[in-house]
Amino acid sequence: MKNRIITIFSWVVVAWTAKVFLSSLPYKFTGHPDTQYIFGTIGGWMQGILGNTIGNWFANYGAIAVGIAELTVSLFLLIPLFLFIREKLTGAKSPVDRAVFHTLGGLAAAGVMTGAAFFHLATPLGIVVLHEGKSDGGSLFFAAVSILVLGLIMAAANFSLIKERKLNGTFAH
C-alpha cells in the first residue's frame, strides 16, 4: 500500500513538474519579452554582485541554460514512463527501478527551483513579477516553491522505498 501511494504521489508530482517546465520552454527558447525581462532583471542584479561578465551572460543566455536544465529534468522524470511502455511492448524489464529516477529527479527539480525561488526573493524581480503593467500575481514564484517542496518530498519518499527494498532484498538492480 505504501509503495502504491508513493508511486501515485510521484506521478502527480512528475506531471505537475513536467507541465510547468515544458510549458515554459517556448518562452525561454524564443526570447519572449517576459523572459527577457525576467532574466535581464536578474542579470542586471548579478552585474552589481558578480561583475559584468557573469551578469551579461545570464541576461543573454540564462533563459536558455535554465530551459535546458528544465527539459533535462523533465525527461529524466519521465524515463520510467518510457521504460514502462517499452516493458509492455517488448517484455524487457528495466534494470533501474522507477523510485531511483524519481528520487534523483525530485532532487534535480528542487535544485532548479531553489535557484528560481532565490532569484525571486533576493533580486529586484520580487515575488510578484510586474512587467509592462501586467502582474503574474506571484504565479511563477509559487510554482517554483511548489516544485521545490514537492520535489524534496518525492525524493525522500522514493528514497525510503529504495532503502526498504534494499533491506528486504527486493530491490531490482
N, C-alpha and C. Protein backbone atom coordinates (compact mmCIF):
# COMPACT_ATOMS: atom_id res chain seq x y z
N MET A 1 0.83 -1.21 0.00
CA MET A 1 0.00 0.00 0.00
C MET A 1 0.87 1.26 0.00
N LYS A 2 1.90 1.28 0.85
CA LYS A 2 2.80 2.43 0.90
C LYS A 2 3.45 2.67 -0.46
N ASN A 3 3.89 1.59 -1.09
CA ASN A 3 4.52 1.68 -2.41
C ASN A 3 3.56 2.32 -3.42
N ARG A 4 2.31 1.89 -3.39
CA ARG A 4 1.31 2.40 -4.34
C ARG A 4 1.04 3.88 -4.11
N ILE A 5 0.92 4.29 -2.86
CA ILE A 5 0.66 5.70 -2.55
C ILE A 5 1.83 6.56 -3.01
N ILE A 6 3.05 6.12 -2.73
CA ILE A 6 4.23 6.88 -3.14
C ILE A 6 4.33 6.93 -4.66
N THR A 7 4.01 5.84 -5.32
CA THR A 7 4.05 5.81 -6.78
C THR A 7 3.05 6.79 -7.37
N ILE A 8 1.81 6.77 -6.88
CA ILE A 8 0.78 7.69 -7.38
C ILE A 8 1.17 9.12 -7.08
N PHE A 9 1.60 9.40 -5.85
CA PHE A 9 2.05 10.75 -5.49
C PHE A 9 3.17 11.20 -6.41
N SER A 10 4.13 10.31 -6.67
CA SER A 10 5.27 10.67 -7.52
C SER A 10 4.83 11.04 -8.92
N TRP A 11 3.89 10.27 -9.49
CA TRP A 11 3.44 10.57 -10.84
C TRP A 11 2.66 11.88 -10.90
N VAL A 12 1.95 12.22 -9.84
CA VAL A 12 1.26 13.51 -9.79
C VAL A 12 2.29 14.64 -9.76
N VAL A 13 3.33 14.48 -8.95
CA VAL A 13 4.39 15.49 -8.87
C VAL A 13 5.12 15.59 -10.21
N VAL A 14 5.41 14.45 -10.83
CA VAL A 14 6.08 14.45 -12.14
C VAL A 14 5.21 15.18 -13.17
N ALA A 15 3.91 14.91 -13.18
CA ALA A 15 3.02 15.57 -14.14
C ALA A 15 3.03 17.09 -13.94
N TRP A 16 2.94 17.54 -12.69
CA TRP A 16 2.96 18.98 -12.39
C TRP A 16 4.29 19.60 -12.80
N THR A 17 5.37 18.95 -12.42
CA THR A 17 6.70 19.48 -12.72
C THR A 17 6.92 19.55 -14.23
N ALA A 18 6.62 18.48 -14.93
CA ALA A 18 6.81 18.46 -16.38
C ALA A 18 5.91 19.50 -17.06
N LYS A 19 4.68 19.66 -16.57
CA LYS A 19 3.78 20.68 -17.15
C LYS A 19 4.39 22.07 -17.00
N VAL A 20 4.86 22.40 -15.80
CA VAL A 20 5.44 23.72 -15.56
C VAL A 20 6.71 23.90 -16.38
N PHE A 21 7.61 22.93 -16.31
CA PHE A 21 8.89 23.05 -17.00
C PHE A 21 8.71 23.08 -18.52
N LEU A 22 7.97 22.14 -19.05
CA LEU A 22 7.86 22.03 -20.51
C LEU A 22 7.03 23.15 -21.12
N SER A 23 6.01 23.63 -20.40
CA SER A 23 5.20 24.72 -20.95
C SER A 23 5.95 26.06 -20.96
N SER A 24 7.03 26.16 -20.18
CA SER A 24 7.81 27.40 -20.18
C SER A 24 8.89 27.43 -21.27
N LEU A 25 9.17 26.29 -21.87
CA LEU A 25 10.26 26.22 -22.85
C LEU A 25 10.08 27.14 -24.06
N PRO A 26 8.88 27.24 -24.64
CA PRO A 26 8.75 28.18 -25.77
C PRO A 26 9.13 29.61 -25.39
N TYR A 27 8.83 30.01 -24.18
CA TYR A 27 9.20 31.36 -23.73
C TYR A 27 10.71 31.49 -23.58
N LYS A 28 11.33 30.47 -23.00
CA LYS A 28 12.76 30.53 -22.73
C LYS A 28 13.59 30.41 -24.00
N PHE A 29 13.14 29.60 -24.95
CA PHE A 29 13.94 29.33 -26.15
C PHE A 29 13.69 30.31 -27.29
N THR A 30 12.67 31.16 -27.17
CA THR A 30 12.38 32.10 -28.27
C THR A 30 12.65 33.56 -27.91
N GLY A 31 13.15 33.81 -26.72
CA GLY A 31 13.45 35.19 -26.33
C GLY A 31 12.20 36.02 -26.13
N HIS A 32 11.16 35.41 -25.61
CA HIS A 32 9.90 36.13 -25.32
C HIS A 32 10.19 37.36 -24.46
N PRO A 33 9.49 38.48 -24.70
CA PRO A 33 9.75 39.70 -23.91
C PRO A 33 9.65 39.51 -22.39
N ASP A 34 8.70 38.70 -21.93
CA ASP A 34 8.58 38.46 -20.49
C ASP A 34 9.83 37.75 -19.97
N THR A 35 10.31 36.78 -20.73
CA THR A 35 11.52 36.05 -20.33
C THR A 35 12.73 36.97 -20.37
N GLN A 36 12.82 37.82 -21.40
CA GLN A 36 13.92 38.78 -21.47
C GLN A 36 13.91 39.71 -20.25
N TYR A 37 12.71 40.13 -19.85
CA TYR A 37 12.60 40.99 -18.67
C TYR A 37 13.09 40.27 -17.42
N ILE A 38 12.62 39.05 -17.22
CA ILE A 38 12.98 38.29 -16.01
C ILE A 38 14.49 38.06 -15.94
N PHE A 39 15.06 37.51 -17.00
CA PHE A 39 16.48 37.19 -16.97
C PHE A 39 17.34 38.44 -17.08
N GLY A 40 16.83 39.48 -17.73
CA GLY A 40 17.54 40.76 -17.78
C GLY A 40 17.59 41.41 -16.40
N THR A 41 16.49 41.33 -15.67
CA THR A 41 16.45 41.89 -14.31
C THR A 41 17.45 41.16 -13.40
N ILE A 42 17.44 39.84 -13.48
CA ILE A 42 18.37 39.05 -12.66
C ILE A 42 19.81 39.31 -13.11
N GLY A 43 20.03 39.35 -14.42
CA GLY A 43 21.37 39.61 -14.94
C GLY A 43 21.89 40.97 -14.51
N GLY A 44 21.01 41.98 -14.53
CA GLY A 44 21.41 43.31 -14.06
C GLY A 44 21.79 43.29 -12.59
N TRP A 45 21.03 42.57 -11.78
CA TRP A 45 21.36 42.44 -10.37
C TRP A 45 22.70 41.73 -10.20
N MET A 46 22.93 40.67 -10.99
CA MET A 46 24.18 39.91 -10.91
C MET A 46 25.38 40.77 -11.26
N GLN A 47 25.20 41.71 -12.18
CA GLN A 47 26.31 42.58 -12.57
C GLN A 47 26.85 43.33 -11.36
N GLY A 48 25.96 43.79 -10.51
CA GLY A 48 26.38 44.51 -9.32
C GLY A 48 27.03 43.62 -8.27
N ILE A 49 26.75 42.34 -8.29
CA ILE A 49 27.27 41.40 -7.29
C ILE A 49 28.47 40.63 -7.82
N LEU A 50 28.35 40.07 -9.02
CA LEU A 50 29.36 39.16 -9.56
C LEU A 50 30.14 39.74 -10.74
N GLY A 51 29.79 40.92 -11.18
CA GLY A 51 30.51 41.55 -12.28
C GLY A 51 29.74 41.50 -13.59
N ASN A 52 30.20 42.33 -14.52
CA ASN A 52 29.52 42.47 -15.81
C ASN A 52 29.52 41.20 -16.64
N THR A 53 30.60 40.46 -16.63
CA THR A 53 30.69 39.27 -17.49
C THR A 53 29.61 38.25 -17.15
N ILE A 54 29.51 37.91 -15.87
CA ILE A 54 28.51 36.91 -15.45
C ILE A 54 27.10 37.47 -15.60
N GLY A 55 26.92 38.72 -15.20
CA GLY A 55 25.60 39.34 -15.31
C GLY A 55 25.12 39.43 -16.74
N ASN A 56 25.99 39.85 -17.66
CA ASN A 56 25.61 39.92 -19.08
C ASN A 56 25.34 38.54 -19.64
N TRP A 57 26.17 37.56 -19.26
CA TRP A 57 25.95 36.21 -19.75
C TRP A 57 24.58 35.72 -19.31
N PHE A 58 24.25 35.91 -18.02
CA PHE A 58 22.97 35.44 -17.51
C PHE A 58 21.80 36.15 -18.20
N ALA A 59 21.93 37.46 -18.39
CA ALA A 59 20.87 38.22 -19.06
C ALA A 59 20.64 37.69 -20.48
N ASN A 60 21.72 37.32 -21.18
CA ASN A 60 21.62 36.89 -22.57
C ASN A 60 21.34 35.40 -22.75
N TYR A 61 21.89 34.56 -21.87
CA TYR A 61 21.82 33.11 -22.07
C TYR A 61 21.21 32.34 -20.90
N GLY A 62 20.88 33.02 -19.82
CA GLY A 62 20.33 32.34 -18.64
C GLY A 62 19.03 31.60 -18.94
N ALA A 63 18.16 32.20 -19.75
CA ALA A 63 16.89 31.55 -20.06
C ALA A 63 17.13 30.24 -20.80
N ILE A 64 18.06 30.23 -21.72
CA ILE A 64 18.35 29.01 -22.47
C ILE A 64 18.97 27.96 -21.55
N ALA A 65 19.90 28.39 -20.68
CA ALA A 65 20.53 27.44 -19.75
C ALA A 65 19.49 26.84 -18.80
N VAL A 66 18.62 27.67 -18.26
CA VAL A 66 17.58 27.17 -17.36
C VAL A 66 16.60 26.29 -18.14
N GLY A 67 16.26 26.68 -19.35
CA GLY A 67 15.37 25.87 -20.18
C GLY A 67 15.96 24.49 -20.46
N ILE A 68 17.25 24.43 -20.74
CA ILE A 68 17.90 23.14 -20.97
C ILE A 68 17.86 22.30 -19.70
N ALA A 69 18.10 22.93 -18.54
CA ALA A 69 18.04 22.21 -17.27
C ALA A 69 16.63 21.68 -17.03
N GLU A 70 15.61 22.49 -17.27
CA GLU A 70 14.23 22.06 -17.05
C GLU A 70 13.82 20.95 -18.02
N LEU A 71 14.26 21.03 -19.26
CA LEU A 71 13.98 19.98 -20.23
C LEU A 71 14.65 18.68 -19.81
N THR A 72 15.89 18.76 -19.37
CA THR A 72 16.63 17.58 -18.95
C THR A 72 15.97 16.92 -17.75
N VAL A 73 15.59 17.72 -16.75
CA VAL A 73 14.93 17.18 -15.56
C VAL A 73 13.59 16.54 -15.93
N SER A 74 12.83 17.20 -16.79
CA SER A 74 11.53 16.65 -17.21
C SER A 74 11.70 15.29 -17.88
N LEU A 75 12.64 15.20 -18.80
CA LEU A 75 12.88 13.93 -19.49
C LEU A 75 13.34 12.86 -18.51
N PHE A 76 14.20 13.24 -17.57
CA PHE A 76 14.68 12.28 -16.57
C PHE A 76 13.52 11.76 -15.73
N LEU A 77 12.62 12.66 -15.31
CA LEU A 77 11.47 12.24 -14.51
C LEU A 77 10.50 11.35 -15.30
N LEU A 78 10.48 11.53 -16.62
CA LEU A 78 9.56 10.76 -17.46
C LEU A 78 10.15 9.45 -17.97
N ILE A 79 11.44 9.22 -17.78
CA ILE A 79 12.07 7.97 -18.24
C ILE A 79 11.32 6.73 -17.76
N PRO A 80 10.87 6.66 -16.49
CA PRO A 80 10.14 5.45 -16.08
C PRO A 80 8.89 5.18 -16.91
N LEU A 81 8.24 6.23 -17.40
CA LEU A 81 7.07 6.05 -18.26
C LEU A 81 7.48 5.37 -19.56
N PHE A 82 8.57 5.84 -20.17
CA PHE A 82 9.06 5.24 -21.40
C PHE A 82 9.52 3.80 -21.17
N LEU A 83 10.14 3.55 -20.03
CA LEU A 83 10.57 2.18 -19.71
C LEU A 83 9.37 1.27 -19.48
N PHE A 84 8.31 1.78 -18.87
CA PHE A 84 7.08 1.02 -18.66
C PHE A 84 6.46 0.64 -20.00
N ILE A 85 6.39 1.62 -20.90
CA ILE A 85 5.81 1.36 -22.23
C ILE A 85 6.67 0.33 -22.97
N ARG A 86 7.99 0.48 -22.89
CA ARG A 86 8.88 -0.50 -23.53
C ARG A 86 8.68 -1.90 -22.96
N GLU A 87 8.52 -1.96 -21.64
CA GLU A 87 8.30 -3.26 -21.00
C GLU A 87 7.00 -3.90 -21.49
N LYS A 88 5.95 -3.10 -21.61
CA LYS A 88 4.66 -3.64 -22.07
C LYS A 88 4.73 -4.09 -23.53
N LEU A 89 5.51 -3.38 -24.33
CA LEU A 89 5.61 -3.72 -25.75
C LEU A 89 6.55 -4.89 -26.03
N THR A 90 7.64 -4.96 -25.26
CA THR A 90 8.69 -5.95 -25.57
C THR A 90 8.88 -7.00 -24.49
N GLY A 91 8.40 -6.73 -23.29
CA GLY A 91 8.62 -7.65 -22.18
C GLY A 91 9.96 -7.44 -21.50
N ALA A 92 10.77 -6.50 -22.00
CA ALA A 92 12.09 -6.23 -21.42
C ALA A 92 11.95 -5.42 -20.14
N LYS A 93 12.37 -6.00 -19.02
CA LYS A 93 12.33 -5.32 -17.72
C LYS A 93 13.42 -4.26 -17.64
N SER A 94 13.11 -3.15 -17.00
CA SER A 94 14.11 -2.10 -16.80
C SER A 94 15.10 -2.52 -15.72
N PRO A 95 16.37 -2.24 -15.95
CA PRO A 95 17.36 -2.57 -14.92
C PRO A 95 17.35 -1.57 -13.76
N VAL A 96 16.64 -0.45 -13.93
CA VAL A 96 16.61 0.59 -12.90
C VAL A 96 15.18 0.81 -12.44
N ASP A 97 14.99 0.82 -11.15
CA ASP A 97 13.68 1.00 -10.52
C ASP A 97 13.18 2.44 -10.71
N ARG A 98 11.86 2.59 -10.89
CA ARG A 98 11.24 3.90 -11.02
C ARG A 98 11.62 4.82 -9.87
N ALA A 99 11.69 4.26 -8.67
CA ALA A 99 11.98 5.06 -7.48
C ALA A 99 13.34 5.76 -7.57
N VAL A 100 14.28 5.15 -8.25
CA VAL A 100 15.61 5.78 -8.41
C VAL A 100 15.47 7.04 -9.25
N PHE A 101 14.77 6.95 -10.37
CA PHE A 101 14.58 8.12 -11.23
C PHE A 101 13.83 9.23 -10.50
N HIS A 102 12.82 8.85 -9.72
CA HIS A 102 12.02 9.86 -9.05
C HIS A 102 12.72 10.42 -7.81
N THR A 103 13.62 9.68 -7.22
CA THR A 103 14.44 10.24 -6.14
C THR A 103 15.39 11.29 -6.71
N LEU A 104 16.16 10.90 -7.70
CA LEU A 104 17.14 11.81 -8.28
C LEU A 104 16.48 12.96 -9.03
N GLY A 105 15.40 12.66 -9.75
CA GLY A 105 14.68 13.70 -10.47
C GLY A 105 14.02 14.71 -9.54
N GLY A 106 13.50 14.23 -8.42
CA GLY A 106 12.91 15.14 -7.43
C GLY A 106 13.96 16.09 -6.87
N LEU A 107 15.14 15.55 -6.60
CA LEU A 107 16.24 16.40 -6.11
C LEU A 107 16.66 17.41 -7.17
N ALA A 108 16.74 16.97 -8.42
CA ALA A 108 17.13 17.87 -9.51
C ALA A 108 16.09 18.98 -9.72
N ALA A 109 14.81 18.61 -9.71
CA ALA A 109 13.75 19.60 -9.87
C ALA A 109 13.79 20.61 -8.72
N ALA A 110 13.97 20.11 -7.51
CA ALA A 110 14.06 21.01 -6.34
C ALA A 110 15.27 21.92 -6.47
N GLY A 111 16.37 21.39 -6.98
CA GLY A 111 17.57 22.21 -7.16
C GLY A 111 17.35 23.34 -8.15
N VAL A 112 16.73 23.04 -9.27
CA VAL A 112 16.45 24.08 -10.27
C VAL A 112 15.53 25.14 -9.67
N MET A 113 14.52 24.70 -8.94
CA MET A 113 13.56 25.65 -8.39
C MET A 113 14.08 26.38 -7.15
N THR A 114 15.10 25.83 -6.51
CA THR A 114 15.75 26.58 -5.43
C THR A 114 16.36 27.85 -6.02
N GLY A 115 16.99 27.70 -7.18
CA GLY A 115 17.55 28.87 -7.86
C GLY A 115 16.47 29.88 -8.22
N ALA A 116 15.34 29.39 -8.76
CA ALA A 116 14.25 30.29 -9.13
C ALA A 116 13.71 31.03 -7.91
N ALA A 117 13.45 30.30 -6.83
CA ALA A 117 12.92 30.93 -5.61
C ALA A 117 13.92 31.96 -5.06
N PHE A 118 15.20 31.59 -5.07
CA PHE A 118 16.23 32.53 -4.60
C PHE A 118 16.20 33.82 -5.40
N PHE A 119 16.16 33.72 -6.72
CA PHE A 119 16.18 34.93 -7.54
C PHE A 119 14.92 35.77 -7.37
N HIS A 120 13.77 35.13 -7.10
CA HIS A 120 12.56 35.90 -6.82
C HIS A 120 12.70 36.66 -5.51
N LEU A 121 13.34 36.04 -4.52
CA LEU A 121 13.42 36.65 -3.19
C LEU A 121 14.59 37.62 -3.04
N ALA A 122 15.71 37.37 -3.71
CA ALA A 122 16.93 38.14 -3.47
C ALA A 122 17.18 39.25 -4.47
N THR A 123 16.46 39.27 -5.57
CA THR A 123 16.72 40.26 -6.61
C THR A 123 15.54 41.21 -6.74
N PRO A 124 15.69 42.26 -7.52
CA PRO A 124 14.56 43.18 -7.74
C PRO A 124 13.37 42.53 -8.46
N LEU A 125 13.53 41.31 -8.96
CA LEU A 125 12.43 40.63 -9.64
C LEU A 125 11.21 40.54 -8.73
N GLY A 126 11.43 40.12 -7.47
CA GLY A 126 10.35 40.04 -6.50
C GLY A 126 9.47 38.81 -6.64
N ILE A 127 8.60 38.63 -5.65
CA ILE A 127 7.68 37.50 -5.65
C ILE A 127 6.63 37.67 -6.74
N VAL A 128 6.13 38.86 -6.89
CA VAL A 128 5.15 39.17 -7.93
C VAL A 128 5.90 39.90 -9.04
N VAL A 129 5.93 39.30 -10.22
CA VAL A 129 6.64 39.89 -11.36
C VAL A 129 5.71 40.88 -12.05
N LEU A 130 6.17 42.13 -12.13
CA LEU A 130 5.43 43.18 -12.81
C LEU A 130 6.22 43.58 -14.06
N HIS A 131 5.58 43.42 -15.22
CA HIS A 131 6.24 43.76 -16.47
C HIS A 131 5.22 44.36 -17.43
N GLU A 132 5.52 45.54 -17.94
CA GLU A 132 4.65 46.24 -18.88
C GLU A 132 3.23 46.37 -18.35
N GLY A 133 3.13 46.72 -17.08
CA GLY A 133 1.83 46.92 -16.47
C GLY A 133 1.06 45.65 -16.15
N LYS A 134 1.66 44.50 -16.40
CA LYS A 134 0.99 43.22 -16.12
C LYS A 134 1.66 42.56 -14.92
N SER A 135 0.84 41.92 -14.11
CA SER A 135 1.33 41.20 -12.94
C SER A 135 1.08 39.71 -13.13
N ASP A 136 2.05 38.90 -12.72
CA ASP A 136 1.83 37.45 -12.76
C ASP A 136 1.13 36.97 -11.49
N GLY A 137 0.87 37.89 -10.54
CA GLY A 137 0.20 37.53 -9.30
C GLY A 137 1.01 36.60 -8.41
N GLY A 138 2.29 36.47 -8.71
CA GLY A 138 3.15 35.58 -7.93
C GLY A 138 3.15 34.15 -8.43
N SER A 139 2.49 33.89 -9.57
CA SER A 139 2.34 32.51 -10.04
C SER A 139 3.69 31.84 -10.33
N LEU A 140 4.65 32.57 -10.89
CA LEU A 140 5.95 31.96 -11.16
C LEU A 140 6.65 31.56 -9.86
N PHE A 141 6.61 32.44 -8.88
CA PHE A 141 7.24 32.16 -7.59
C PHE A 141 6.56 30.97 -6.90
N PHE A 142 5.24 30.97 -6.86
CA PHE A 142 4.52 29.89 -6.17
C PHE A 142 4.69 28.54 -6.88
N ALA A 143 4.75 28.56 -8.22
CA ALA A 143 5.03 27.32 -8.94
C ALA A 143 6.43 26.81 -8.59
N ALA A 144 7.40 27.73 -8.52
CA ALA A 144 8.77 27.34 -8.17
C ALA A 144 8.83 26.73 -6.77
N VAL A 145 8.19 27.38 -5.81
CA VAL A 145 8.20 26.88 -4.43
C VAL A 145 7.48 25.55 -4.34
N SER A 146 6.37 25.40 -5.06
CA SER A 146 5.64 24.12 -5.00
C SER A 146 6.49 22.98 -5.55
N ILE A 147 7.20 23.22 -6.64
CA ILE A 147 8.06 22.17 -7.21
C ILE A 147 9.25 21.91 -6.31
N LEU A 148 9.79 22.95 -5.70
CA LEU A 148 10.89 22.77 -4.74
C LEU A 148 10.45 21.84 -3.60
N VAL A 149 9.34 22.16 -2.97
CA VAL A 149 8.86 21.38 -1.82
C VAL A 149 8.41 19.98 -2.26
N LEU A 150 7.61 19.90 -3.30
CA LEU A 150 7.12 18.59 -3.75
C LEU A 150 8.26 17.71 -4.25
N GLY A 151 9.25 18.30 -4.91
CA GLY A 151 10.40 17.53 -5.37
C GLY A 151 11.17 16.92 -4.22
N LEU A 152 11.35 17.70 -3.15
CA LEU A 152 12.05 17.17 -1.96
C LEU A 152 11.25 16.06 -1.29
N ILE A 153 9.93 16.26 -1.18
CA ILE A 153 9.09 15.22 -0.57
C ILE A 153 9.11 13.96 -1.43
N MET A 154 9.00 14.12 -2.75
CA MET A 154 9.03 12.96 -3.64
C MET A 154 10.37 12.24 -3.53
N ALA A 155 11.46 12.97 -3.49
CA ALA A 155 12.78 12.35 -3.36
C ALA A 155 12.88 11.57 -2.06
N ALA A 156 12.44 12.17 -0.96
CA ALA A 156 12.54 11.50 0.34
C ALA A 156 11.65 10.25 0.38
N ALA A 157 10.44 10.35 -0.15
CA ALA A 157 9.52 9.20 -0.13
C ALA A 157 10.06 8.05 -0.97
N ASN A 158 10.57 8.37 -2.15
CA ASN A 158 11.11 7.32 -3.01
C ASN A 158 12.40 6.75 -2.46
N PHE A 159 13.22 7.58 -1.83
CA PHE A 159 14.44 7.09 -1.21
C PHE A 159 14.10 6.12 -0.08
N SER A 160 13.02 6.41 0.66
CA SER A 160 12.61 5.48 1.72
C SER A 160 12.20 4.13 1.13
N LEU A 161 11.55 4.15 -0.03
CA LEU A 161 11.19 2.88 -0.70
C LEU A 161 12.44 2.12 -1.11
N ILE A 162 13.42 2.82 -1.65
CA ILE A 162 14.67 2.18 -2.08
C ILE A 162 15.36 1.54 -0.88
N LYS A 163 15.46 2.28 0.22
CA LYS A 163 16.09 1.74 1.44
C LYS A 163 15.34 0.52 1.94
N GLU A 164 14.02 0.61 1.96
CA GLU A 164 13.18 -0.50 2.44
C GLU A 164 13.37 -1.74 1.55
N ARG A 165 13.40 -1.54 0.26
CA ARG A 165 13.58 -2.66 -0.67
C ARG A 165 14.96 -3.29 -0.53
N LYS A 166 15.96 -2.45 -0.32
CA LYS A 166 17.32 -2.98 -0.12
C LYS A 166 17.39 -3.82 1.15
N LEU A 167 16.77 -3.32 2.21
CA LEU A 167 16.77 -4.05 3.49
C LEU A 167 16.02 -5.38 3.36
N ASN A 168 14.95 -5.38 2.57
CA ASN A 168 14.16 -6.59 2.37
C ASN A 168 14.72 -7.49 1.28
N GLY A 169 15.75 -7.01 0.57
CA GLY A 169 16.33 -7.80 -0.51
C GLY A 169 15.47 -7.88 -1.75
N THR A 170 14.55 -6.91 -1.94
CA THR A 170 13.67 -6.95 -3.11
C THR A 170 13.97 -5.87 -4.11
N PHE A 171 15.09 -5.17 -3.95
CA PHE A 171 15.43 -4.07 -4.85
C PHE A 171 15.94 -4.62 -6.17
N ALA A 172 15.35 -4.16 -7.27
CA ALA A 172 15.77 -4.62 -8.60
C ALA A 172 17.04 -3.88 -9.00
N HIS A 173 18.01 -4.60 -9.49
CA HIS A 173 19.26 -3.97 -9.93
C HIS A 173 19.26 -3.79 -11.41
